[in-house]
Amino acid sequence: MNIGTVHHEIHRGIIEDSRRGNRKAQYQLYGLYSGAMFNICLRMMSSREEAEDLLQDAFTEAFRRLDSFRYESAFGAWLKRIVVNRCINELKRRRAELRFVDDMSPWEGRMAEPEMEESGLTVEQVKKAMQALPEGSRVIFSLYLLEGYDHKEISEIMGISESTSKTQYMHARKRVKEILSHTES
């Protein structure tokens, strides 16, 4: 293994103890990451109960799969991928309907428009507004804007085309702006 590609992990001892089945270490690891992972679940699922259930499922899966964690990325990034995949799988299981926008022409020239964080809006305002989005659009919006995935990654995760991801994001972004403009009035 190339030493230059191994990611230094500040919680390595806790991770290794957890890998060996140490319940106290697993509880510590849960305590370190559960808040951030719960927020991801809540943004994607928009129901506190579902988010709590999926968080527990994701940690159970992570502890079961700890042997596959190789320190090639940060533990948080590895765990986040499990959490996001759990949420996506639940949405797919429920056969969440994405609202597709067939005509992308209104957004063609605006793909480089400044992101919302440059508009003076707080993350909390955006999170609140995004709860009014249809489920599929909300998930894409969350993955792109709040979780930092690019459209190629989103298309792979959700099994859609990259252009569909972009279209859904632009549609969701427009709708969030409309919602926010109505709340400011």
N, C-alpha and C. Protein backbone atom coordinates (compact mmCIF):
# COMPACT_ATOMS: atom_id res chain seq x y z
N MET A 1 0.85 -1.17 0.00
CA MET A 1 0.00 0.00 0.00
C MET A 1 0.89 1.23 0.00
N ASN A 2 0.60 2.19 -0.82
CA ASN A 2 1.35 3.43 -0.92
C ASN A 2 1.05 4.30 0.30
N ILE A 3 2.08 4.61 1.08
CA ILE A 3 1.89 5.39 2.30
C ILE A 3 1.32 6.76 2.00
N GLY A 4 1.62 7.34 0.86
CA GLY A 4 1.11 8.66 0.50
C GLY A 4 -0.39 8.71 0.32
N THR A 5 -1.02 7.56 0.06
CA THR A 5 -2.47 7.55 -0.16
C THR A 5 -3.26 7.18 1.09
N VAL A 6 -2.58 6.78 2.16
CA VAL A 6 -3.27 6.40 3.38
C VAL A 6 -3.65 7.68 4.12
N HIS A 7 -4.91 7.76 4.50
CA HIS A 7 -5.43 8.93 5.20
C HIS A 7 -5.15 8.79 6.69
N HIS A 8 -4.57 9.80 7.29
CA HIS A 8 -4.35 9.80 8.74
C HIS A 8 -5.70 9.94 9.42
N GLU A 9 -5.98 9.08 10.36
CA GLU A 9 -7.29 9.07 11.04
C GLU A 9 -7.08 9.36 12.52
N ILE A 10 -7.67 10.47 12.99
CA ILE A 10 -7.47 10.87 14.38
C ILE A 10 -8.17 9.93 15.37
N HIS A 11 -9.15 9.19 14.93
CA HIS A 11 -9.87 8.26 15.81
C HIS A 11 -9.49 6.81 15.54
N ARG A 12 -8.29 6.59 15.07
CA ARG A 12 -7.86 5.26 14.66
C ARG A 12 -8.00 4.24 15.80
N GLY A 13 -7.60 4.61 17.01
CA GLY A 13 -7.68 3.69 18.14
C GLY A 13 -9.11 3.26 18.43
N ILE A 14 -10.02 4.21 18.40
CA ILE A 14 -11.44 3.91 18.65
C ILE A 14 -11.99 3.05 17.52
N ILE A 15 -11.58 3.35 16.29
CA ILE A 15 -12.04 2.56 15.14
C ILE A 15 -11.54 1.12 15.25
N GLU A 16 -10.27 0.97 15.60
CA GLU A 16 -9.70 -0.38 15.72
C GLU A 16 -10.36 -1.17 16.86
N ASP A 17 -10.61 -0.50 18.00
CA ASP A 17 -11.30 -1.18 19.10
C ASP A 17 -12.73 -1.56 18.68
N SER A 18 -13.38 -0.68 17.95
CA SER A 18 -14.74 -0.97 17.46
C SER A 18 -14.71 -2.16 16.51
N ARG A 19 -13.71 -2.20 15.68
CA ARG A 19 -13.55 -3.30 14.72
C ARG A 19 -13.45 -4.64 15.45
N ARG A 20 -12.82 -4.62 16.62
CA ARG A 20 -12.66 -5.85 17.42
C ARG A 20 -13.91 -6.16 18.25
N GLY A 21 -14.97 -5.33 18.10
CA GLY A 21 -16.23 -5.61 18.78
C GLY A 21 -16.37 -4.95 20.14
N ASN A 22 -15.47 -4.06 20.50
CA ASN A 22 -15.54 -3.37 21.78
C ASN A 22 -16.74 -2.42 21.78
N ARG A 23 -17.75 -2.76 22.60
CA ARG A 23 -19.00 -1.98 22.63
C ARG A 23 -18.79 -0.55 23.11
N LYS A 24 -17.89 -0.36 24.07
CA LYS A 24 -17.61 0.99 24.58
C LYS A 24 -17.02 1.87 23.46
N ALA A 25 -16.12 1.30 22.70
CA ALA A 25 -15.51 2.03 21.59
C ALA A 25 -16.56 2.33 20.51
N GLN A 26 -17.44 1.37 20.24
CA GLN A 26 -18.51 1.60 19.27
C GLN A 26 -19.42 2.73 19.73
N TYR A 27 -19.71 2.77 21.02
CA TYR A 27 -20.53 3.83 21.57
C TYR A 27 -19.83 5.19 21.42
N GLN A 28 -18.51 5.20 21.65
CA GLN A 28 -17.73 6.43 21.48
C GLN A 28 -17.77 6.89 20.02
N LEU A 29 -17.58 5.95 19.11
CA LEU A 29 -17.60 6.27 17.68
C LEU A 29 -18.98 6.80 17.29
N TYR A 30 -20.01 6.19 17.80
CA TYR A 30 -21.37 6.66 17.55
C TYR A 30 -21.52 8.09 18.07
N GLY A 31 -21.04 8.35 19.26
CA GLY A 31 -21.12 9.68 19.84
C GLY A 31 -20.37 10.73 19.03
N LEU A 32 -19.28 10.36 18.44
CA LEU A 32 -18.48 11.30 17.65
C LEU A 32 -19.16 11.68 16.33
N TYR A 33 -19.87 10.73 15.72
CA TYR A 33 -20.38 10.95 14.37
C TYR A 33 -21.90 10.99 14.23
N SER A 34 -22.63 10.59 15.26
CA SER A 34 -24.08 10.47 15.11
C SER A 34 -24.78 11.79 14.84
N GLY A 35 -24.34 12.87 15.42
CA GLY A 35 -25.00 14.17 15.20
C GLY A 35 -24.95 14.60 13.75
N ALA A 36 -23.77 14.57 13.18
CA ALA A 36 -23.61 14.98 11.78
C ALA A 36 -24.35 14.02 10.84
N MET A 37 -24.29 12.73 11.13
CA MET A 37 -24.96 11.75 10.27
C MET A 37 -26.48 11.85 10.40
N PHE A 38 -26.97 12.16 11.59
CA PHE A 38 -28.40 12.35 11.77
C PHE A 38 -28.89 13.53 10.93
N ASN A 39 -28.11 14.61 10.91
CA ASN A 39 -28.50 15.77 10.11
C ASN A 39 -28.60 15.43 8.63
N ILE A 40 -27.71 14.59 8.14
CA ILE A 40 -27.79 14.15 6.74
C ILE A 40 -29.09 13.36 6.53
N CYS A 41 -29.37 12.43 7.42
CA CYS A 41 -30.59 11.63 7.32
C CYS A 41 -31.83 12.53 7.35
N LEU A 42 -31.84 13.48 8.24
CA LEU A 42 -33.00 14.36 8.39
C LEU A 42 -33.21 15.21 7.14
N ARG A 43 -32.14 15.73 6.57
CA ARG A 43 -32.27 16.53 5.34
C ARG A 43 -32.78 15.69 4.17
N MET A 44 -32.37 14.44 4.12
CA MET A 44 -32.78 13.61 2.99
C MET A 44 -34.17 13.03 3.18
N MET A 45 -34.54 12.73 4.41
CA MET A 45 -35.80 12.03 4.65
C MET A 45 -36.92 12.96 5.10
N SER A 46 -36.58 14.05 5.73
CA SER A 46 -37.51 15.08 6.22
C SER A 46 -38.50 14.60 7.28
N SER A 47 -38.28 13.44 7.83
CA SER A 47 -39.08 12.96 8.95
C SER A 47 -38.10 12.55 10.04
N ARG A 48 -38.27 13.10 11.22
CA ARG A 48 -37.37 12.82 12.33
C ARG A 48 -37.33 11.32 12.66
N GLU A 49 -38.49 10.69 12.67
CA GLU A 49 -38.56 9.26 12.99
C GLU A 49 -37.81 8.42 11.96
N GLU A 50 -38.05 8.71 10.68
CA GLU A 50 -37.34 7.98 9.63
C GLU A 50 -35.84 8.22 9.72
N ALA A 51 -35.46 9.46 9.97
CA ALA A 51 -34.04 9.81 10.08
C ALA A 51 -33.39 9.03 11.22
N GLU A 52 -34.08 8.93 12.35
CA GLU A 52 -33.54 8.19 13.49
C GLU A 52 -33.38 6.71 13.16
N ASP A 53 -34.39 6.14 12.51
CA ASP A 53 -34.32 4.73 12.12
C ASP A 53 -33.18 4.47 11.15
N LEU A 54 -33.06 5.33 10.15
CA LEU A 54 -32.01 5.14 9.14
C LEU A 54 -30.62 5.36 9.74
N LEU A 55 -30.51 6.28 10.68
CA LEU A 55 -29.23 6.48 11.36
C LEU A 55 -28.80 5.20 12.07
N GLN A 56 -29.73 4.60 12.80
CA GLN A 56 -29.42 3.35 13.51
C GLN A 56 -29.04 2.25 12.52
N ASP A 57 -29.79 2.13 11.43
CA ASP A 57 -29.48 1.13 10.40
C ASP A 57 -28.10 1.36 9.81
N ALA A 58 -27.77 2.62 9.55
CA ALA A 58 -26.48 2.95 8.94
C ALA A 58 -25.33 2.61 9.89
N PHE A 59 -25.48 2.92 11.17
CA PHE A 59 -24.42 2.58 12.12
C PHE A 59 -24.30 1.07 12.29
N THR A 60 -25.41 0.37 12.30
CA THR A 60 -25.36 -1.09 12.39
C THR A 60 -24.58 -1.65 11.20
N GLU A 61 -24.90 -1.15 10.01
CA GLU A 61 -24.19 -1.60 8.81
C GLU A 61 -22.71 -1.22 8.88
N ALA A 62 -22.42 0.00 9.33
CA ALA A 62 -21.03 0.44 9.41
C ALA A 62 -20.23 -0.45 10.36
N PHE A 63 -20.79 -0.76 11.53
CA PHE A 63 -20.08 -1.62 12.48
C PHE A 63 -19.88 -3.02 11.91
N ARG A 64 -20.87 -3.50 11.17
CA ARG A 64 -20.76 -4.82 10.54
C ARG A 64 -19.69 -4.82 9.45
N ARG A 65 -19.51 -3.67 8.79
CA ARG A 65 -18.56 -3.58 7.67
C ARG A 65 -17.23 -2.91 8.03
N LEU A 66 -16.96 -2.72 9.30
CA LEU A 66 -15.73 -2.03 9.69
C LEU A 66 -14.46 -2.66 9.12
N ASP A 67 -14.49 -3.98 8.91
CA ASP A 67 -13.32 -4.63 8.33
C ASP A 67 -13.00 -4.12 6.93
N SER A 68 -13.99 -3.53 6.25
CA SER A 68 -13.74 -3.01 4.90
C SER A 68 -13.19 -1.58 4.90
N PHE A 69 -13.17 -0.93 6.06
CA PHE A 69 -12.61 0.42 6.14
C PHE A 69 -11.09 0.32 6.15
N ARG A 70 -10.45 0.99 5.18
CA ARG A 70 -9.00 0.85 4.97
C ARG A 70 -8.20 2.13 5.20
N TYR A 71 -8.80 3.16 5.79
CA TYR A 71 -8.11 4.43 6.05
C TYR A 71 -7.64 5.11 4.77
N GLU A 72 -8.30 4.81 3.66
CA GLU A 72 -7.96 5.48 2.40
C GLU A 72 -8.69 6.81 2.29
N SER A 73 -9.66 7.02 3.15
CA SER A 73 -10.37 8.29 3.27
C SER A 73 -10.66 8.47 4.75
N ALA A 74 -11.20 9.61 5.10
CA ALA A 74 -11.56 9.84 6.50
C ALA A 74 -12.72 8.92 6.88
N PHE A 75 -12.75 8.48 8.12
CA PHE A 75 -13.83 7.62 8.58
C PHE A 75 -15.17 8.30 8.37
N GLY A 76 -15.25 9.59 8.64
CA GLY A 76 -16.50 10.34 8.48
C GLY A 76 -17.00 10.28 7.04
N ALA A 77 -16.09 10.37 6.08
CA ALA A 77 -16.49 10.31 4.67
C ALA A 77 -16.99 8.91 4.32
N TRP A 78 -16.33 7.89 4.84
CA TRP A 78 -16.75 6.50 4.61
C TRP A 78 -18.13 6.26 5.21
N LEU A 79 -18.33 6.73 6.43
CA LEU A 79 -19.61 6.58 7.11
C LEU A 79 -20.71 7.38 6.41
N LYS A 80 -20.38 8.57 5.96
CA LYS A 80 -21.36 9.41 5.26
C LYS A 80 -21.88 8.70 4.01
N ARG A 81 -21.00 8.01 3.32
CA ARG A 81 -21.41 7.28 2.11
C ARG A 81 -22.42 6.19 2.47
N ILE A 82 -22.18 5.50 3.58
CA ILE A 82 -23.12 4.47 4.04
C ILE A 82 -24.46 5.11 4.38
N VAL A 83 -24.42 6.23 5.10
CA VAL A 83 -25.65 6.92 5.50
C VAL A 83 -26.43 7.38 4.27
N VAL A 84 -25.76 8.02 3.33
CA VAL A 84 -26.43 8.51 2.11
C VAL A 84 -27.01 7.34 1.33
N ASN A 85 -26.25 6.26 1.20
CA ASN A 85 -26.76 5.09 0.46
C ASN A 85 -27.97 4.47 1.16
N ARG A 86 -27.96 4.43 2.48
CA ARG A 86 -29.12 3.92 3.23
C ARG A 86 -30.36 4.76 2.93
N CYS A 87 -30.19 6.07 2.95
CA CYS A 87 -31.32 6.98 2.68
C CYS A 87 -31.82 6.80 1.25
N ILE A 88 -30.90 6.75 0.31
CA ILE A 88 -31.28 6.57 -1.11
C ILE A 88 -32.01 5.24 -1.28
N ASN A 89 -31.48 4.18 -0.67
CA ASN A 89 -32.13 2.87 -0.79
C ASN A 89 -33.54 2.88 -0.22
N GLU A 90 -33.73 3.59 0.89
CA GLU A 90 -35.07 3.68 1.47
C GLU A 90 -36.00 4.45 0.55
N LEU A 91 -35.50 5.52 -0.03
CA LEU A 91 -36.33 6.29 -0.97
C LEU A 91 -36.68 5.45 -2.20
N LYS A 92 -35.71 4.69 -2.68
CA LYS A 92 -35.98 3.81 -3.83
C LYS A 92 -36.98 2.72 -3.45
N ARG A 93 -36.84 2.19 -2.24
CA ARG A 93 -37.75 1.14 -1.78
C ARG A 93 -39.18 1.66 -1.79
N ARG A 94 -39.34 2.90 -1.41
CA ARG A 94 -40.66 3.51 -1.42
C ARG A 94 -41.04 4.00 -2.81
N ARG A 95 -40.14 3.79 -3.75
CA ARG A 95 -40.35 4.22 -5.14
C ARG A 95 -40.70 5.70 -5.22
N ALA A 96 -39.81 6.49 -4.62
CA ALA A 96 -40.00 7.95 -4.63
C ALA A 96 -40.05 8.44 -6.08
N GLU A 97 -41.05 9.20 -6.37
CA GLU A 97 -41.21 9.76 -7.70
C GLU A 97 -40.42 11.06 -7.82
N LEU A 98 -39.52 11.09 -8.75
CA LEU A 98 -38.82 12.35 -9.03
C LEU A 98 -39.70 13.17 -9.95
N ARG A 99 -39.77 14.44 -9.67
CA ARG A 99 -40.49 15.32 -10.57
C ARG A 99 -39.51 15.76 -11.63
N PHE A 100 -39.68 15.26 -12.84
CA PHE A 100 -38.76 15.59 -13.91
C PHE A 100 -39.24 16.82 -14.66
N VAL A 101 -38.29 17.64 -15.02
CA VAL A 101 -38.56 18.81 -15.84
C VAL A 101 -38.02 18.47 -17.22
N ASP A 102 -38.91 18.36 -18.20
CA ASP A 102 -38.49 17.95 -19.53
C ASP A 102 -37.70 19.02 -20.26
N ASP A 103 -38.09 20.26 -20.09
CA ASP A 103 -37.46 21.34 -20.84
C ASP A 103 -36.45 22.05 -19.96
N MET A 104 -35.17 21.88 -20.26
CA MET A 104 -34.13 22.50 -19.48
C MET A 104 -33.75 23.87 -20.03
N SER A 105 -34.33 24.28 -21.13
CA SER A 105 -33.91 25.52 -21.78
C SER A 105 -33.97 26.76 -20.89
N PRO A 106 -34.92 26.90 -19.96
CA PRO A 106 -34.89 28.10 -19.12
C PRO A 106 -33.62 28.21 -18.28
N TRP A 107 -32.93 27.06 -18.05
CA TRP A 107 -31.74 27.10 -17.19
C TRP A 107 -30.43 26.95 -17.96
N GLU A 108 -30.50 26.74 -19.25
CA GLU A 108 -29.30 26.45 -20.02
C GLU A 108 -28.16 27.43 -19.78
N GLY A 109 -28.41 28.71 -19.86
CA GLY A 109 -27.34 29.68 -19.73
C GLY A 109 -27.04 30.07 -18.30
N ARG A 110 -27.73 29.46 -17.33
CA ARG A 110 -27.59 29.91 -15.96
C ARG A 110 -26.91 28.89 -15.06
N MET A 111 -26.27 27.89 -15.63
CA MET A 111 -25.65 26.87 -14.81
C MET A 111 -24.53 27.44 -13.93
N ALA A 112 -23.91 28.52 -14.33
CA ALA A 112 -22.81 29.09 -13.56
C ALA A 112 -23.29 30.16 -12.59
N GLU A 113 -24.59 30.27 -12.39
CA GLU A 113 -25.17 31.25 -11.48
C GLU A 113 -24.60 31.04 -10.07
N PRO A 114 -24.39 32.12 -9.30
CA PRO A 114 -23.81 31.96 -7.97
C PRO A 114 -24.67 31.05 -7.09
N GLU A 115 -24.01 30.31 -6.24
CA GLU A 115 -24.72 29.41 -5.34
C GLU A 115 -25.46 30.20 -4.28
N MET A 116 -26.38 29.54 -3.61
CA MET A 116 -27.23 30.21 -2.63
C MET A 116 -26.45 30.80 -1.47
N GLU A 117 -25.34 30.15 -1.09
CA GLU A 117 -24.62 30.67 0.06
C GLU A 117 -24.05 32.05 -0.21
N GLU A 118 -23.94 32.44 -1.48
CA GLU A 118 -23.44 33.76 -1.83
C GLU A 118 -24.56 34.80 -1.81
N SER A 119 -25.78 34.38 -1.58
CA SER A 119 -26.92 35.30 -1.64
C SER A 119 -27.28 35.89 -0.29
N GLY A 120 -26.53 35.56 0.76
CA GLY A 120 -26.83 36.09 2.08
C GLY A 120 -27.81 35.25 2.87
N LEU A 121 -28.25 34.13 2.33
CA LEU A 121 -29.18 33.25 3.03
C LEU A 121 -28.41 32.36 3.99
N THR A 122 -29.04 32.01 5.09
CA THR A 122 -28.40 31.08 6.01
C THR A 122 -28.73 29.65 5.60
N VAL A 123 -27.90 28.73 6.04
CA VAL A 123 -28.14 27.32 5.76
C VAL A 123 -29.48 26.90 6.37
N GLU A 124 -29.79 27.41 7.54
CA GLU A 124 -31.05 27.06 8.20
C GLU A 124 -32.26 27.51 7.38
N GLN A 125 -32.19 28.70 6.77
CA GLN A 125 -33.29 29.18 5.93
C GLN A 125 -33.47 28.26 4.73
N VAL A 126 -32.37 27.88 4.12
CA VAL A 126 -32.42 27.00 2.95
C VAL A 126 -32.97 25.62 3.34
N LYS A 127 -32.50 25.07 4.47
CA LYS A 127 -32.98 23.76 4.94
C LYS A 127 -34.49 23.77 5.17
N LYS A 128 -34.97 24.84 5.78
CA LYS A 128 -36.40 24.95 6.06
C LYS A 128 -37.20 25.01 4.75
N ALA A 129 -36.74 25.81 3.80
CA ALA A 129 -37.43 25.95 2.52
C ALA A 129 -37.41 24.65 1.73
N MET A 130 -36.33 23.91 1.83
CA MET A 130 -36.22 22.69 1.01
C MET A 130 -37.18 21.60 1.48
N GLN A 131 -37.72 21.70 2.69
CA GLN A 131 -38.68 20.71 3.16
C GLN A 131 -39.96 20.72 2.33
N ALA A 132 -40.22 21.83 1.62
CA ALA A 132 -41.42 21.92 0.79
C ALA A 132 -41.22 21.31 -0.60
N LEU A 133 -40.01 20.88 -0.90
CA LEU A 133 -39.73 20.30 -2.22
C LEU A 133 -40.25 18.87 -2.31
N PRO A 134 -40.59 18.43 -3.53
CA PRO A 134 -40.92 17.01 -3.72
C PRO A 134 -39.70 16.17 -3.32
N GLU A 135 -39.93 14.96 -2.87
CA GLU A 135 -38.89 14.13 -2.30
C GLU A 135 -37.66 13.97 -3.20
N GLY A 136 -37.85 13.64 -4.46
CA GLY A 136 -36.72 13.42 -5.36
C GLY A 136 -35.88 14.67 -5.54
N SER A 137 -36.53 15.80 -5.73
CA SER A 137 -35.82 17.07 -5.89
C SER A 137 -35.10 17.44 -4.61
N ARG A 138 -35.74 17.21 -3.47
CA ARG A 138 -35.13 17.53 -2.19
C ARG A 138 -33.84 16.73 -1.98
N VAL A 139 -33.87 15.46 -2.35
CA VAL A 139 -32.70 14.61 -2.17
C VAL A 139 -31.55 15.10 -3.05
N ILE A 140 -31.82 15.38 -4.31
CA ILE A 140 -30.77 15.87 -5.20
C ILE A 140 -30.24 17.21 -4.71
N PHE A 141 -31.13 18.09 -4.33
CA PHE A 141 -30.74 19.41 -3.82
C PHE A 141 -29.83 19.25 -2.60
N SER A 142 -30.21 18.37 -1.69
CA SER A 142 -29.43 18.13 -0.48
C SER A 142 -28.07 17.52 -0.80
N LEU A 143 -28.06 16.51 -1.65
CA LEU A 143 -26.79 15.86 -2.00
C LEU A 143 -25.82 16.85 -2.65
N TYR A 144 -26.34 17.70 -3.53
CA TYR A 144 -25.47 18.62 -4.25
C TYR A 144 -25.04 19.81 -3.39
N LEU A 145 -26.00 20.52 -2.85
CA LEU A 145 -25.70 21.78 -2.17
C LEU A 145 -25.18 21.57 -0.74
N LEU A 146 -25.77 20.65 -0.01
CA LEU A 146 -25.43 20.52 1.40
C LEU A 146 -24.40 19.42 1.68
N GLU A 147 -24.40 18.34 0.89
CA GLU A 147 -23.46 17.24 1.14
C GLU A 147 -22.23 17.30 0.25
N GLY A 148 -22.24 18.14 -0.79
CA GLY A 148 -21.05 18.33 -1.61
C GLY A 148 -20.80 17.32 -2.71
N TYR A 149 -21.81 16.51 -3.04
CA TYR A 149 -21.64 15.58 -4.15
C TYR A 149 -21.77 16.35 -5.46
N ASP A 150 -21.06 15.89 -6.51
CA ASP A 150 -21.25 16.52 -7.81
C ASP A 150 -22.32 15.74 -8.59
N HIS A 151 -22.73 16.30 -9.73
CA HIS A 151 -23.84 15.68 -10.47
C HIS A 151 -23.49 14.29 -11.00
N LYS A 152 -22.24 14.06 -11.31
CA LYS A 152 -21.83 12.72 -11.76
C LYS A 152 -22.04 11.71 -10.63
N GLU A 153 -21.60 12.07 -9.42
CA GLU A 153 -21.78 11.17 -8.26
C GLU A 153 -23.26 10.96 -7.95
N ILE A 154 -24.04 12.03 -8.01
CA ILE A 154 -25.47 11.92 -7.74
C ILE A 154 -26.14 11.01 -8.76
N SER A 155 -25.74 11.15 -10.02
CA SER A 155 -26.35 10.30 -11.06
C SER A 155 -26.05 8.83 -10.80
N GLU A 156 -24.84 8.53 -10.34
CA GLU A 156 -24.46 7.15 -10.03
C GLU A 156 -25.23 6.64 -8.80
N ILE A 157 -25.33 7.46 -7.77
CA ILE A 157 -26.01 7.06 -6.54
C ILE A 157 -27.49 6.79 -6.80
N MET A 158 -28.12 7.67 -7.58
CA MET A 158 -29.57 7.60 -7.74
C MET A 158 -30.00 6.83 -8.99
N GLY A 159 -29.06 6.45 -9.83
CA GLY A 159 -29.40 5.70 -11.04
C GLY A 159 -30.14 6.55 -12.06
N ILE A 160 -29.73 7.81 -12.18
CA ILE A 160 -30.33 8.74 -13.15
C ILE A 160 -29.21 9.33 -13.99
N SER A 161 -29.57 10.03 -15.06
CA SER A 161 -28.53 10.65 -15.88
C SER A 161 -28.00 11.90 -15.18
N GLU A 162 -26.81 12.29 -15.57
CA GLU A 162 -26.20 13.50 -15.02
C GLU A 162 -27.04 14.74 -15.36
N SER A 163 -27.59 14.78 -16.58
CA SER A 163 -28.41 15.93 -16.96
C SER A 163 -29.70 15.98 -16.16
N THR A 164 -30.25 14.81 -15.81
CA THR A 164 -31.45 14.79 -14.96
C THR A 164 -31.11 15.34 -13.57
N SER A 165 -29.95 14.97 -13.05
CA SER A 165 -29.53 15.49 -11.76
C SER A 165 -29.40 17.01 -11.83
N LYS A 166 -28.77 17.52 -12.86
CA LYS A 166 -28.62 18.97 -13.02
C LYS A 166 -29.97 19.66 -13.15
N THR A 167 -30.85 19.07 -13.94
CA THR A 167 -32.18 19.66 -14.15
C THR A 167 -32.95 19.69 -12.83
N GLN A 168 -32.92 18.57 -12.12
CA GLN A 168 -33.64 18.50 -10.85
C GLN A 168 -33.08 19.49 -9.84
N TYR A 169 -31.76 19.63 -9.83
CA TYR A 169 -31.13 20.58 -8.91
C TYR A 169 -31.57 22.02 -9.27
N MET A 170 -31.53 22.36 -10.53
CA MET A 170 -31.90 23.71 -10.94
C MET A 170 -33.38 23.98 -10.63
N HIS A 171 -34.23 22.99 -10.87
CA HIS A 171 -35.65 23.13 -10.56
C HIS A 171 -35.85 23.33 -9.05
N ALA A 172 -35.16 22.51 -8.26
CA ALA A 172 -35.28 22.60 -6.80
C ALA A 172 -34.74 23.95 -6.30
N ARG A 173 -33.64 24.36 -6.87
CA ARG A 173 -33.03 25.63 -6.47
C ARG A 173 -33.97 26.80 -6.76
N LYS A 174 -34.59 26.76 -7.94
CA LYS A 174 -35.54 27.82 -8.31
C LYS A 174 -36.71 27.83 -7.33
N ARG A 175 -37.22 26.64 -7.00
CA ARG A 175 -38.36 26.55 -6.09
C ARG A 175 -38.00 27.03 -4.69
N VAL A 176 -36.81 26.69 -4.21
CA VAL A 176 -36.37 27.14 -2.89
C VAL A 176 -36.27 28.67 -2.88
N LYS A 177 -35.74 29.24 -3.96
CA LYS A 177 -35.66 30.71 -4.04
C LYS A 177 -37.04 31.33 -4.00
N GLU A 178 -38.01 30.71 -4.70
CA GLU A 178 -39.38 31.22 -4.69
C GLU A 178 -39.96 31.16 -3.27
N ILE A 179 -39.74 30.05 -2.59
CA ILE A 179 -40.25 29.87 -1.23
C ILE A 179 -39.62 30.92 -0.32
N LEU A 180 -38.33 31.11 -0.44
CA LEU A 180 -37.63 32.08 0.41
C LEU A 180 -38.07 33.51 0.12
N SER A 181 -38.35 33.81 -1.14
CA SER A 181 -38.78 35.18 -1.46
C SER A 181 -40.17 35.45 -0.88
N HIS A 182 -41.01 34.43 -0.77
CA HIS A 182 -42.33 34.60 -0.17
C HIS A 182 -42.26 34.75 1.34
N THR A 183 -41.26 34.14 1.97
CA THR A 183 -41.13 34.25 3.42
C THR A 183 -40.52 35.58 3.83
N GLU A 184 -39.76 36.21 2.93
CA GLU A 184 -39.16 37.51 3.22
C GLU A 184 -40.19 38.64 3.13
N SER A 185 -41.24 38.43 2.35
CA SER A 185 -42.23 39.48 2.12
C SER A 185 -43.04 39.78 3.35
